[in-house]
Amino acid sequence: MVARNIRSKPFSDINVTPFVDVMLVLLIIFMVTAPLLTVGVQVDLPETNADTLQSDNEPLEVTIDSSGLIFIQETEIGLSELIPKMKAITENRFDTKIYVRGDETIDYGQIMMVLGELSGSGFSKVALITKPLSK
């Protein structure tokens, strides 16, 4: 009788099934949570052909929604409170970038009133935000 080597060869294949399962679960989690991460007040921005702005740091956003309410980031404020709050937030740095977002259904005069308040108080880097034209 011939003795056979009972030892088997080492198994060298990598089982990628658990890796794929984890990746698919992470993909689903990111797909579900990504839309929830958008911050700000929901407004319908007008569409233009303007180029996108390149920014190194996070600018402040002043938003005017369709009912005329004014928000700094996500906090509702009145027009009379806008400048004191902006000065407090920016610590009187008038070169802070401020983006003004106005709903396309709102009266142009209301947007200009907010822009006038910001510019008149000394803020020098104020810009209007629009969304690109959909083609």
C-alpha atoms as a PDB file:
ATOM      1  CA  MET A   1       0.000   0.000   0.000  1.00  0.00           C
ATOM      2  CA  VAL A   2       1.339   3.411  -0.990  1.00  0.00           C
ATOM      3  CA  ALA A   3       1.071   6.202   1.559  1.00  0.00           C
ATOM      4  CA  ARG A   4      -0.462   9.279   0.184  1.00  0.00           C
ATOM      5  CA  ASN A   5       0.174  12.789   1.414  1.00  0.00           C
ATOM      6  CA  ILE A   6      -3.075  13.611   3.158  1.00  0.00           C
ATOM      7  CA  ARG A   7      -2.210  17.296   3.471  1.00  0.00           C
ATOM      8  CA  SER A   8      -4.049  19.440   0.987  1.00  0.00           C
ATOM      9  CA  LYS A   9      -2.602  22.394  -0.810  1.00  0.00           C
ATOM     10  CA  PRO A  10      -3.218  25.789   0.762  1.00  0.00           C
ATOM     11  CA  PHE A  11      -6.254  27.632  -0.530  1.00  0.00           C
ATOM     12  CA  SER A  12      -4.968  30.789  -2.209  1.00  0.00           C
ATOM     13  CA  ASP A  13      -8.137  32.373  -3.624  1.00  0.00           C
ATOM     14  CA  ILE A  14      -9.462  35.526  -1.996  1.00  0.00           C
ATOM     15  CA  ASN A  15     -13.129  35.543  -1.148  1.00  0.00           C
ATOM     16  CA  VAL A  16     -14.351  38.973  -2.314  1.00  0.00           C
ATOM     17  CA  THR A  17     -18.027  38.419  -1.583  1.00  0.00           C
ATOM     18  CA  PRO A  18     -17.938  40.054   1.899  1.00  0.00           C
ATOM     19  CA  PHE A  19     -16.002  43.005   0.465  1.00  0.00           C
ATOM     20  CA  VAL A  20     -18.567  43.511  -2.303  1.00  0.00           C
ATOM     21  CA  ASP A  21     -21.415  43.236   0.214  1.00  0.00           C
ATOM     22  CA  VAL A  22     -19.892  45.927   2.419  1.00  0.00           C
ATOM     23  CA  MET A  23     -19.247  48.222  -0.571  1.00  0.00           C
ATOM     24  CA  LEU A  24     -22.844  47.867  -1.773  1.00  0.00           C
ATOM     25  CA  VAL A  25     -24.200  48.666   1.689  1.00  0.00           C
ATOM     26  CA  LEU A  26     -21.959  51.759   1.903  1.00  0.00           C
ATOM     27  CA  LEU A  27     -23.050  52.838  -1.567  1.00  0.00           C
ATOM     28  CA  ILE A  28     -26.710  52.624  -0.579  1.00  0.00           C
ATOM     29  CA  ILE A  29     -26.066  54.540   2.655  1.00  0.00           C
ATOM     30  CA  PHE A  30     -24.277  57.355   0.800  1.00  0.00           C
ATOM     31  CA  MET A  31     -26.956  57.494  -1.886  1.00  0.00           C
ATOM     32  CA  VAL A  32     -29.673  57.882   0.737  1.00  0.00           C
ATOM     33  CA  THR A  33     -27.856  60.413   2.950  1.00  0.00           C
ATOM     34  CA  ALA A  34     -26.282  62.629   0.249  1.00  0.00           C
ATOM     35  CA  PRO A  35     -29.489  64.546  -0.587  1.00  0.00           C
ATOM     36  CA  LEU A  36     -30.050  65.146   3.119  1.00  0.00           C
ATOM     37  CA  LEU A  37     -26.673  66.845   3.505  1.00  0.00           C
ATOM     38  CA  THR A  38     -27.593  69.902   1.432  1.00  0.00           C
ATOM     39  CA  VAL A  39     -27.914  72.852   3.753  1.00  0.00           C
ATOM     40  CA  GLY A  40     -29.825  76.030   3.346  1.00  0.00           C
ATOM     41  CA  VAL A  41     -33.268  77.269   2.608  1.00  0.00           C
ATOM     42  CA  GLN A  42     -35.052  75.818  -0.406  1.00  0.00           C
ATOM     43  CA  VAL A  43     -35.327  78.452  -3.142  1.00  0.00           C
ATOM     44  CA  ASP A  44     -35.801  78.268  -6.904  1.00  0.00           C
ATOM     45  CA  LEU A  45     -32.757  80.093  -8.252  1.00  0.00           C
ATOM     46  CA  PRO A  46     -32.903  81.774 -11.655  1.00  0.00           C
ATOM     47  CA  GLU A  47     -30.852  80.140 -14.426  1.00  0.00           C
ATOM     48  CA  THR A  48     -27.980  81.974 -16.195  1.00  0.00           C
ATOM     49  CA  ASN A  49     -24.940  81.276 -18.377  1.00  0.00           C
ATOM     50  CA  ALA A  50     -22.555  82.665 -15.731  1.00  0.00           C
ATOM     51  CA  ASP A  51     -19.421  80.715 -14.772  1.00  0.00           C
ATOM     52  CA  THR A  52     -19.250  79.039 -11.381  1.00  0.00           C
ATOM     53  CA  LEU A  53     -17.374  80.795  -8.586  1.00  0.00           C
ATOM     54  CA  GLN A  54     -14.229  79.191  -7.220  1.00  0.00           C
ATOM     55  CA  SER A  55     -13.941  79.540  -3.446  1.00  0.00           C
ATOM     56  CA  ASP A  56     -11.289  78.485  -0.955  1.00  0.00           C
ATOM     57  CA  ASN A  57     -13.355  78.923   2.189  1.00  0.00           C
ATOM     58  CA  GLU A  58     -17.023  78.676   3.079  1.00  0.00           C
ATOM     59  CA  PRO A  59     -18.855  81.938   2.289  1.00  0.00           C
ATOM     60  CA  LEU A  60     -21.833  83.243   4.203  1.00  0.00           C
ATOM     61  CA  GLU A  61     -25.163  82.820   2.449  1.00  0.00           C
ATOM     62  CA  VAL A  62     -28.019  85.269   2.727  1.00  0.00           C
ATOM     63  CA  THR A  63     -31.208  83.785   1.291  1.00  0.00           C
ATOM     64  CA  ILE A  64     -34.500  85.441   0.408  1.00  0.00           C
ATOM     65  CA  ASP A  65     -37.208  82.832  -0.059  1.00  0.00           C
ATOM     66  CA  SER A  66     -40.373  83.061  -2.167  1.00  0.00           C
ATOM     67  CA  SER A  67     -42.369  84.650   0.651  1.00  0.00           C
ATOM     68  CA  GLY A  68     -39.758  87.388   1.229  1.00  0.00           C
ATOM     69  CA  LEU A  69     -38.256  85.992   4.429  1.00  0.00           C
ATOM     70  CA  ILE A  70     -34.520  86.603   4.900  1.00  0.00           C
ATOM     71  CA  PHE A  71     -32.172  83.934   6.210  1.00  0.00           C
ATOM     72  CA  ILE A  72     -28.485  83.939   7.185  1.00  0.00           C
ATOM     73  CA  GLN A  73     -27.413  80.366   6.400  1.00  0.00           C
ATOM     74  CA  GLU A  74     -30.527  78.636   7.843  1.00  0.00           C
ATOM     75  CA  THR A  75     -31.546  81.171  10.516  1.00  0.00           C
ATOM     76  CA  GLU A  76     -34.473  83.472   9.762  1.00  0.00           C
ATOM     77  CA  ILE A  77     -33.877  87.156  10.537  1.00  0.00           C
ATOM     78  CA  GLY A  78     -35.490  90.500   9.802  1.00  0.00           C
ATOM     79  CA  LEU A  79     -33.991  93.113   7.478  1.00  0.00           C
ATOM     80  CA  SER A  80     -33.260  95.379  10.452  1.00  0.00           C
ATOM     81  CA  GLU A  81     -31.234  92.593  12.116  1.00  0.00           C
ATOM     82  CA  LEU A  82     -29.248  91.692   8.980  1.00  0.00           C
ATOM     83  CA  ILE A  83     -26.293  94.075   9.295  1.00  0.00           C
ATOM     84  CA  PRO A  84     -25.702  93.743  13.074  1.00  0.00           C
ATOM     85  CA  LYS A  85     -25.786  89.939  12.778  1.00  0.00           C
ATOM     86  CA  MET A  86     -23.492  89.941   9.730  1.00  0.00           C
ATOM     87  CA  LYS A  87     -20.989  92.174  11.540  1.00  0.00           C
ATOM     88  CA  ALA A  88     -21.098  89.885  14.576  1.00  0.00           C
ATOM     89  CA  ILE A  89     -20.695  86.719  12.502  1.00  0.00           C
ATOM     90  CA  THR A  90     -17.841  88.105  10.398  1.00  0.00           C
ATOM     91  CA  GLU A  91     -16.229  89.834  13.411  1.00  0.00           C
ATOM     92  CA  ASN A  92     -16.263  93.139  11.455  1.00  0.00           C
ATOM     93  CA  ARG A  93     -14.193  91.680   8.580  1.00  0.00           C
ATOM     94  CA  PHE A  94     -15.777  93.439   5.639  1.00  0.00           C
ATOM     95  CA  ASP A  95     -13.855  91.372   3.065  1.00  0.00           C
ATOM     96  CA  THR A  96     -15.805  88.201   3.943  1.00  0.00           C
ATOM     97  CA  LYS A  97     -17.487  86.583   0.920  1.00  0.00           C
ATOM     98  CA  ILE A  98     -21.263  86.856   1.089  1.00  0.00           C
ATOM     99  CA  TYR A  99     -23.499  85.072  -1.416  1.00  0.00           C
ATOM    100  CA  VAL A 100     -27.063  86.323  -1.845  1.00  0.00           C
ATOM    101  CA  ARG A 101     -29.581  83.728  -3.045  1.00  0.00           C
ATOM    102  CA  GLY A 102     -32.991  85.010  -4.105  1.00  0.00           C
ATOM    103  CA  ASP A 103     -35.955  82.955  -5.216  1.00  0.00           C
ATOM    104  CA  GLU A 104     -36.775  83.632  -8.873  1.00  0.00           C
ATOM    105  CA  THR A 105     -40.408  84.428  -8.040  1.00  0.00           C
ATOM    106  CA  ILE A 106     -39.513  87.213  -5.609  1.00  0.00           C
ATOM    107  CA  ASP A 107     -39.615  90.903  -6.496  1.00  0.00           C
ATOM    108  CA  TYR A 108     -36.252  92.222  -7.726  1.00  0.00           C
ATOM    109  CA  GLY A 109     -36.570  95.204  -5.361  1.00  0.00           C
ATOM    110  CA  GLN A 110     -36.413  92.963  -2.291  1.00  0.00           C
ATOM    111  CA  ILE A 111     -33.143  91.400  -3.474  1.00  0.00           C
ATOM    112  CA  MET A 112     -31.707  94.838  -4.227  1.00  0.00           C
ATOM    113  CA  MET A 113     -32.758  96.060  -0.772  1.00  0.00           C
ATOM    114  CA  VAL A 114     -30.703  93.276   0.842  1.00  0.00           C
ATOM    115  CA  LEU A 115     -27.767  93.932  -1.514  1.00  0.00           C
ATOM    116  CA  GLY A 116     -27.969  97.652  -0.731  1.00  0.00           C
ATOM    117  CA  GLU A 117     -27.935  97.010   3.014  1.00  0.00           C
ATOM    118  CA  LEU A 118     -24.876  94.751   2.717  1.00  0.00           C
ATOM    119  CA  SER A 119     -22.949  97.027   0.359  1.00  0.00           C
ATOM    120  CA  GLY A 120     -23.912 100.171   2.262  1.00  0.00           C
ATOM    121  CA  SER A 121     -22.599  98.735   5.509  1.00  0.00           C
ATOM    122  CA  GLY A 122     -19.129  98.150   4.026  1.00  0.00           C
ATOM    123  CA  PHE A 123     -19.163  94.522   2.875  1.00  0.00           C
ATOM    124  CA  SER A 124     -17.152  94.512  -0.349  1.00  0.00           C
ATOM    125  CA  LYS A 125     -17.414  90.906  -1.576  1.00  0.00           C
ATOM    126  CA  VAL A 126     -21.130  90.400  -2.156  1.00  0.00           C
ATOM    127  CA  ALA A 127     -22.277  88.198  -5.065  1.00  0.00           C
ATOM    128  CA  LEU A 128     -25.583  86.914  -6.416  1.00  0.00           C
ATOM    129  CA  ILE A 129     -26.034  83.156  -6.815  1.00  0.00           C
ATOM    130  CA  THR A 130     -27.871  81.580  -9.742  1.00  0.00           C
ATOM    131  CA  LYS A 131     -28.059  78.066 -11.115  1.00  0.00           C
ATOM    132  CA  PRO A 132     -26.648  77.089 -14.522  1.00  0.00           C
ATOM    133  CA  LEU A 133     -28.988  76.847 -17.498  1.00  0.00           C
ATOM    134  CA  SER A 134     -30.236  73.320 -18.021  1.00  0.00           C
ATOM    135  CA  LYS A 135     -29.577  72.267 -21.600  1.00  0.00           C
END
